[in-house]
PDB file of all heavy atoms in Angstrom:
ATOM      1  N   ASP A   1      97.788 104.866  50.332  1.00  0.00           N
ATOM      2  CA  ASP A   1      97.727 106.309  50.563  1.00  0.00           C
ATOM      3  C   ASP A   1      99.130 106.912  50.605  1.00  0.00           C
ATOM      4  O   ASP A   1      99.363 108.016  50.100  1.00  0.00           O
ATOM      5  CB  ASP A   1      96.998 106.609  51.875  1.00  0.00           C
ATOM      6  CG  ASP A   1      95.506 106.358  51.788  1.00  0.00           C
ATOM      7  OD1 ASP A   1      95.003 106.134  50.665  1.00  0.00           O
ATOM      8  OD2 ASP A   1      94.832 106.368  52.843  1.00  0.00           O
ATOM      9  N   ALA A   2     100.065 106.180  51.210  1.00  0.00           N
ATOM     10  CA  ALA A   2     101.431 106.687  51.342  1.00  0.00           C
ATOM     11  C   ALA A   2     102.101 106.880  49.986  1.00  0.00           C
ATOM     12  O   ALA A   2     102.868 107.831  49.787  1.00  0.00           O
ATOM     13  CB  ALA A   2     102.256 105.739  52.204  1.00  0.00           C
ATOM     14  N   ILE A   3     101.820 105.988  49.030  1.00  0.00           N
ATOM     15  CA  ILE A   3     102.484 106.043  47.725  1.00  0.00           C
ATOM     16  C   ILE A   3     101.627 106.697  46.647  1.00  0.00           C
ATOM     17  O   ILE A   3     102.031 106.768  45.483  1.00  0.00           O
ATOM     18  CB  ILE A   3     102.902 104.632  47.264  1.00  0.00           C
ATOM     19  CG1 ILE A   3     101.665 103.768  46.961  1.00  0.00           C
ATOM     20  CG2 ILE A   3     103.792 103.960  48.312  1.00  0.00           C
ATOM     21  CD1 ILE A   3     102.015 102.388  46.393  1.00  0.00           C
ATOM     22  N   ALA A   4     100.471 107.204  47.023  1.00  0.00           N
ATOM     23  CA  ALA A   4      99.494 107.710  46.045  1.00  0.00           C
ATOM     24  C   ALA A   4     100.041 108.833  45.173  1.00  0.00           C
ATOM     25  O   ALA A   4      99.637 108.971  44.008  1.00  0.00           O
ATOM     26  CB  ALA A   4      98.234 108.178  46.764  1.00  0.00           C
ATOM     27  N   LYS A   5     100.946 109.650  45.692  1.00  0.00           N
ATOM     28  CA  LYS A   5     101.450 110.798  44.945  1.00  0.00           C
ATOM     29  C   LYS A   5     102.878 110.609  44.471  1.00  0.00           C
ATOM     30  O   LYS A   5     103.561 111.576  44.129  1.00  0.00           O
ATOM     31  CB  LYS A   5     101.328 112.059  45.806  1.00  0.00           C
ATOM     32  CG  LYS A   5      99.886 112.421  46.154  1.00  0.00           C
ATOM     33  CD  LYS A   5      99.805 113.713  46.951  1.00  0.00           C
ATOM     34  CE  LYS A   5      98.352 114.072  47.277  1.00  0.00           C
ATOM     35  NZ  LYS A   5      98.255 115.341  48.053  1.00  0.00           N
ATOM     36  N   ARG A   6     103.348 109.376  44.416  1.00  0.00           N
ATOM     37  CA  ARG A   6     104.726 109.130  43.994  1.00  0.00           C
ATOM     38  C   ARG A   6     104.926 109.565  42.546  1.00  0.00           C
ATOM     39  O   ARG A   6     104.018 109.418  41.713  1.00  0.00           O
ATOM     40  CB  ARG A   6     105.093 107.662  44.161  1.00  0.00           C
ATOM     41  CG  ARG A   6     104.412 106.692  43.189  1.00  0.00           C
ATOM     42  CD  ARG A   6     104.745 105.263  43.581  1.00  0.00           C
ATOM     43  NE  ARG A   6     104.251 104.256  42.666  1.00  0.00           N
ATOM     44  CZ  ARG A   6     103.049 103.713  42.721  1.00  0.00           C
ATOM     45  NH1 ARG A   6     102.176 104.151  43.626  1.00  0.00           N
ATOM     46  NH2 ARG A   6     102.695 102.756  41.885  1.00  0.00           N
ATOM     47  N   PRO A   7     106.098 110.090  42.231  1.00  0.00           N
ATOM     48  CA  PRO A   7     106.390 110.472  40.842  1.00  0.00           C
ATOM     49  C   PRO A   7     106.319 109.257  39.917  1.00  0.00           C
ATOM     50  O   PRO A   7     106.612 108.130  40.319  1.00  0.00           O
ATOM     51  CB  PRO A   7     107.819 111.021  40.937  1.00  0.00           C
ATOM     52  CG  PRO A   7     107.957 111.481  42.358  1.00  0.00           C
ATOM     53  CD  PRO A   7     107.182 110.475  43.156  1.00  0.00           C
ATOM     54  N   GLU A   8     105.950 109.493  38.668  1.00  0.00           N
ATOM     55  CA  GLU A   8     105.736 108.399  37.726  1.00  0.00           C
ATOM     56  C   GLU A   8     106.993 107.582  37.459  1.00  0.00           C
ATOM     57  O   GLU A   8     106.909 106.373  37.196  1.00  0.00           O
ATOM     58  CB  GLU A   8     105.194 108.949  36.395  1.00  0.00           C
ATOM     59  CG  GLU A   8     103.747 109.417  36.477  1.00  0.00           C
ATOM     60  CD  GLU A   8     103.202 109.809  35.118  1.00  0.00           C
ATOM     61  OE1 GLU A   8     103.899 109.572  34.108  1.00  0.00           O
ATOM     62  OE2 GLU A   8     102.091 110.359  35.060  1.00  0.00           O
ATOM     63  N   ASP A   9     108.165 108.207  37.529  1.00  0.00           N
ATOM     64  CA  ASP A   9     109.401 107.480  37.222  1.00  0.00           C
ATOM     65  C   ASP A   9     110.105 106.982  38.478  1.00  0.00           C
ATOM     66  O   ASP A   9     111.306 106.727  38.461  1.00  0.00           O
ATOM     67  CB  ASP A   9     110.347 108.344  36.396  1.00  0.00           C
ATOM     68  CG  ASP A   9     110.767 109.624  37.110  1.00  0.00           C
ATOM     69  OD1 ASP A   9     110.043 110.060  38.029  1.00  0.00           O
ATOM     70  OD2 ASP A   9     111.827 110.180  36.756  1.00  0.00           O
ATOM     71  N   MET A  10     109.349 106.804  39.557  1.00  0.00           N
ATOM     72  CA  MET A  10     109.901 106.251  40.795  1.00  0.00           C
ATOM     73  C   MET A  10     109.292 104.878  41.043  1.00  0.00           C
ATOM     74  O   MET A  10     108.077 104.720  41.070  1.00  0.00           O
ATOM     75  CB  MET A  10     109.593 107.171  41.974  1.00  0.00           C
ATOM     76  CG  MET A  10     110.271 106.764  43.278  1.00  0.00           C
ATOM     77  SD  MET A  10     109.830 107.916  44.610  1.00  0.00           S
ATOM     78  CE  MET A  10     111.163 107.611  45.771  1.00  0.00           C
ATOM     79  N   THR A  11     110.148 103.876  41.200  1.00  0.00           N
ATOM     80  CA  THR A  11     109.696 102.518  41.504  1.00  0.00           C
ATOM     81  C   THR A  11     109.609 102.346  43.016  1.00  0.00           C
ATOM     82  O   THR A  11     110.569 102.649  43.731  1.00  0.00           O
ATOM     83  CB  THR A  11     110.676 101.478  40.929  1.00  0.00           C
ATOM     84  OG1 THR A  11     110.687 101.574  39.505  1.00  0.00           O
ATOM     85  CG2 THR A  11     110.290 100.066  41.346  1.00  0.00           C
ATOM     86  N   ILE A  12     108.458 101.849  43.483  1.00  0.00           N
ATOM     87  CA  ILE A  12     108.294 101.564  44.907  1.00  0.00           C
ATOM     88  C   ILE A  12     107.857 100.114  45.070  1.00  0.00           C
ATOM     89  O   ILE A  12     106.849  99.689  44.518  1.00  0.00           O
ATOM     90  CB  ILE A  12     107.282 102.511  45.571  1.00  0.00           C
ATOM     91  CG1 ILE A  12     107.785 103.955  45.497  1.00  0.00           C
ATOM     92  CG2 ILE A  12     107.060 102.105  47.033  1.00  0.00           C
ATOM     93  CD1 ILE A  12     106.896 104.970  46.200  1.00  0.00           C
ATOM     94  N   THR A  13     108.648  99.368  45.817  1.00  0.00           N
ATOM     95  CA  THR A  13     108.343  97.972  46.085  1.00  0.00           C
ATOM     96  C   THR A  13     108.086  97.780  47.578  1.00  0.00           C
ATOM     97  O   THR A  13     108.312  98.689  48.376  1.00  0.00           O
ATOM     98  CB  THR A  13     109.504  97.058  45.653  1.00  0.00           C
ATOM     99  OG1 THR A  13     110.686  97.428  46.381  1.00  0.00           O
ATOM    100  CG2 THR A  13     109.767  97.183  44.165  1.00  0.00           C
ATOM    101  N   MET A  14     107.614  96.592  47.937  1.00  0.00           N
ATOM    102  CA  MET A  14     107.421  96.267  49.348  1.00  0.00           C
ATOM    103  C   MET A  14     108.031  94.910  49.641  1.00  0.00           C
ATOM    104  O   MET A  14     107.824  93.952  48.892  1.00  0.00           O
ATOM    105  CB  MET A  14     105.938  96.271  49.718  1.00  0.00           C
ATOM    106  CG  MET A  14     105.699  96.041  51.223  1.00  0.00           C
ATOM    107  SD  MET A  14     104.063  96.597  51.773  1.00  0.00           S
ATOM    108  CE  MET A  14     103.008  95.467  50.871  1.00  0.00           C
ATOM    109  N   HIS A  15     108.792  94.857  50.721  1.00  0.00           N
ATOM    110  CA  HIS A  15     109.399  93.601  51.160  1.00  0.00           C
ATOM    111  C   HIS A  15     108.668  93.090  52.394  1.00  0.00           C
ATOM    112  O   HIS A  15     108.414  93.837  53.336  1.00  0.00           O
ATOM    113  CB  HIS A  15     110.878  93.820  51.495  1.00  0.00           C
ATOM    114  CG  HIS A  15     111.482  92.682  52.260  1.00  0.00           C
ATOM    115  ND1 HIS A  15     112.028  92.842  53.516  1.00  0.00           N
ATOM    116  CD2 HIS A  15     111.598  91.375  51.951  1.00  0.00           C
ATOM    117  CE1 HIS A  15     112.467  91.671  53.943  1.00  0.00           C
ATOM    118  NE2 HIS A  15     112.214  90.765  53.020  1.00  0.00           N
ATOM    119  N   ILE A  16     108.321  91.812  52.357  1.00  0.00           N
ATOM    120  CA  ILE A  16     107.586  91.191  53.464  1.00  0.00           C
ATOM    121  C   ILE A  16     108.371  89.978  53.949  1.00  0.00           C
ATOM    122  O   ILE A  16     108.726  89.107  53.147  1.00  0.00           O
ATOM    123  CB  ILE A  16     106.178  90.754  53.012  1.00  0.00           C
ATOM    124  CG1 ILE A  16     105.375  91.967  52.544  1.00  0.00           C
ATOM    125  CG2 ILE A  16     105.447  90.020  54.132  1.00  0.00           C
ATOM    126  CD1 ILE A  16     104.112  91.617  51.795  1.00  0.00           C
ATOM    127  N   CYS A  17     108.656  89.932  55.247  1.00  0.00           N
ATOM    128  CA  CYS A  17     109.308  88.732  55.780  1.00  0.00           C
ATOM    129  C   CYS A  17     108.775  88.433  57.173  1.00  0.00           C
ATOM    130  O   CYS A  17     108.017  89.206  57.745  1.00  0.00           O
ATOM    131  CB  CYS A  17     110.829  88.863  55.779  1.00  0.00           C
ATOM    132  SG  CYS A  17     111.527  89.701  57.206  1.00  0.00           S
ATOM    133  N   ARG A  18     109.196  87.302  57.690  1.00  0.00           N
ATOM    134  CA  ARG A  18     108.676  86.809  58.971  1.00  0.00           C
ATOM    135  C   ARG A  18     109.658  86.984  60.116  1.00  0.00           C
ATOM    136  O   ARG A  18     109.675  86.233  61.071  1.00  0.00           O
ATOM    137  CB  ARG A  18     108.269  85.334  58.805  1.00  0.00           C
ATOM    138  CG  ARG A  18     107.010  85.205  57.965  1.00  0.00           C
ATOM    139  CD  ARG A  18     106.905  83.887  57.235  1.00  0.00           C
ATOM    140  NE  ARG A  18     105.679  83.873  56.425  1.00  0.00           N
ATOM    141  CZ  ARG A  18     105.568  84.512  55.256  1.00  0.00           C
ATOM    142  NH1 ARG A  18     106.580  85.169  54.760  1.00  0.00           N
ATOM    143  NH2 ARG A  18     104.427  84.475  54.595  1.00  0.00           N
ATOM    144  N   GLY A  19     110.481  88.008  60.009  1.00  0.00           N
ATOM    145  CA  GLY A  19     111.455  88.304  61.045  1.00  0.00           C
ATOM    146  C   GLY A  19     112.831  87.790  60.680  1.00  0.00           C
ATOM    147  O   GLY A  19     112.973  86.722  60.088  1.00  0.00           O
ATOM    148  N   ASN A  20     113.855  88.569  61.032  1.00  0.00           N
ATOM    149  CA  ASN A  20     115.215  88.203  60.654  1.00  0.00           C
ATOM    150  C   ASN A  20     116.186  88.878  61.614  1.00  0.00           C
ATOM    151  O   ASN A  20     116.580  90.009  61.410  1.00  0.00           O
ATOM    152  CB  ASN A  20     115.495  88.637  59.212  1.00  0.00           C
ATOM    153  CG  ASN A  20     116.826  88.137  58.704  1.00  0.00           C
ATOM    154  OD1 ASN A  20     117.317  87.100  59.130  1.00  0.00           O
ATOM    155  ND2 ASN A  20     117.419  88.877  57.786  1.00  0.00           N
ATOM    156  N   PHE A  21     116.555  88.185  62.677  1.00  0.00           N
ATOM    157  CA  PHE A  21     117.506  88.717  63.649  1.00  0.00           C
ATOM    158  C   PHE A  21     118.449  87.604  64.064  1.00  0.00           C
ATOM    159  O   PHE A  21     118.015  86.570  64.574  1.00  0.00           O
ATOM    160  CB  PHE A  21     116.776  89.270  64.883  1.00  0.00           C
ATOM    161  CG  PHE A  21     117.712  89.695  65.994  1.00  0.00           C
ATOM    162  CD1 PHE A  21     118.498  90.828  65.854  1.00  0.00           C
ATOM    163  CD2 PHE A  21     117.812  88.951  67.158  1.00  0.00           C
ATOM    164  CE1 PHE A  21     119.369  91.213  66.868  1.00  0.00           C
ATOM    165  CE2 PHE A  21     118.671  89.325  68.181  1.00  0.00           C
ATOM    166  CZ  PHE A  21     119.460  90.467  68.037  1.00  0.00           C
ATOM    167  N   ARG A  22     119.749  87.800  63.783  1.00  0.00           N
ATOM    168  CA  ARG A  22     120.762  86.797  64.108  1.00  0.00           C
ATOM    169  C   ARG A  22     120.373  85.419  63.549  1.00  0.00           C
ATOM    170  O   ARG A  22     120.512  84.394  64.205  1.00  0.00           O
ATOM    171  CB  ARG A  22     120.996  86.722  65.622  1.00  0.00           C
ATOM    172  CG  ARG A  22     121.460  88.016  66.255  1.00  0.00           C
ATOM    173  CD  ARG A  22     122.803  88.470  65.738  1.00  0.00           C
ATOM    174  NE  ARG A  22     123.897  87.598  66.201  1.00  0.00           N
ATOM    175  CZ  ARG A  22     125.049  87.434  65.554  1.00  0.00           C
ATOM    176  NH1 ARG A  22     125.241  88.042  64.395  1.00  0.00           N
ATOM    177  NH2 ARG A  22     125.989  86.660  66.034  1.00  0.00           N
ATOM    178  N   SER A  23     119.825  85.440  62.325  1.00  0.00           N
ATOM    179  CA  SER A  23     119.429  84.229  61.590  1.00  0.00           C
ATOM    180  C   SER A  23     118.233  83.504  62.208  1.00  0.00           C
ATOM    181  O   SER A  23     117.983  82.336  61.896  1.00  0.00           O
ATOM    182  CB  SER A  23     120.618  83.250  61.449  1.00  0.00           C
ATOM    183  OG  SER A  23     121.651  83.830  60.678  1.00  0.00           O
ATOM    184  N   THR A  24     117.471  84.182  63.077  1.00  0.00           N
ATOM    185  CA  THR A  24     116.261  83.585  63.637  1.00  0.00           C
ATOM    186  C   THR A  24     115.035  84.274  63.049  1.00  0.00           C
ATOM    187  O   THR A  24     115.143  85.171  62.220  1.00  0.00           O
ATOM    188  CB  THR A  24     116.246  83.689  65.176  1.00  0.00           C
ATOM    189  OG1 THR A  24     116.203  85.078  65.554  1.00  0.00           O
ATOM    190  CG2 THR A  24     117.485  83.041  65.774  1.00  0.00           C
ATOM    191  N   TRP A  25     113.854  83.873  63.513  1.00  0.00           N
ATOM    192  CA  TRP A  25     112.611  84.371  62.950  1.00  0.00           C
ATOM    193  C   TRP A  25     111.562  84.538  64.039  1.00  0.00           C
ATOM    194  O   TRP A  25     111.744  84.110  65.173  1.00  0.00           O
ATOM    195  CB  TRP A  25     112.102  83.415  61.871  1.00  0.00           C
ATOM    196  CG  TRP A  25     112.076  81.981  62.300  1.00  0.00           C
ATOM    197  CD1 TRP A  25     113.110  81.089  62.262  1.00  0.00           C
ATOM    198  CD2 TRP A  25     110.954  81.268  62.856  1.00  0.00           C
ATOM    199  NE1 TRP A  25     112.713  79.866  62.755  1.00  0.00           N
ATOM    200  CE2 TRP A  25     111.398  79.946  63.131  1.00  0.00           C
ATOM    201  CE3 TRP A  25     109.644  81.607  63.150  1.00  0.00           C
ATOM    202  CZ2 TRP A  25     110.565  78.977  63.682  1.00  0.00           C
ATOM    203  CZ3 TRP A  25     108.812  80.636  63.687  1.00  0.00           C
ATOM    204  CH2 TRP A  25     109.270  79.345  63.954  1.00  0.00           C
ATOM    205  N   VAL A  26     110.443  85.166  63.681  1.00  0.00           N
ATOM    206  CA  VAL A  26     109.372  85.422  64.645  1.00  0.00           C
ATOM    207  C   VAL A  26     108.123  84.605  64.335  1.00  0.00           C
ATOM    208  O   VAL A  26     107.621  83.871  65.172  1.00  0.00           O
ATOM    209  CB  VAL A  26     109.000  86.923  64.689  1.00  0.00           C
ATOM    210  CG1 VAL A  26     107.804  87.147  65.603  1.00  0.00           C
ATOM    211  CG2 VAL A  26     110.173  87.753  65.182  1.00  0.00           C
ATOM    212  N   SER A  27     107.588  84.750  63.118  1.00  0.00           N
ATOM    213  CA  SER A  27     106.272  84.185  62.818  1.00  0.00           C
ATOM    214  C   SER A  27     106.310  83.204  61.647  1.00  0.00           C
ATOM    215  O   SER A  27     107.271  83.156  60.878  1.00  0.00           O
ATOM    216  CB  SER A  27     105.269  85.300  62.511  1.00  0.00           C
ATOM    217  OG  SER A  27     105.716  86.079  61.430  1.00  0.00           O
ATOM    218  N   SER A  28     105.237  82.418  61.535  1.00  0.00           N
ATOM    219  CA  SER A  28     105.071  81.445  60.451  1.00  0.00           C
ATOM    220  C   SER A  28     103.676  81.582  59.863  1.00  0.00           C
ATOM    221  O   SER A  28     102.757  82.071  60.517  1.00  0.00           O
ATOM    222  CB  SER A  28     105.254  80.025  60.976  1.00  0.00           C
ATOM    223  OG  SER A  28     106.553  79.819  61.474  1.00  0.00           O
TER     224      SER A  28
END
């Protein structure tokens, strides 16, 4: 829904990670 009206010449990607703070992590 958030990206539904994005302009045709705009690239939208999504980054997914498991946490990143001071080289540590949260989930597996």
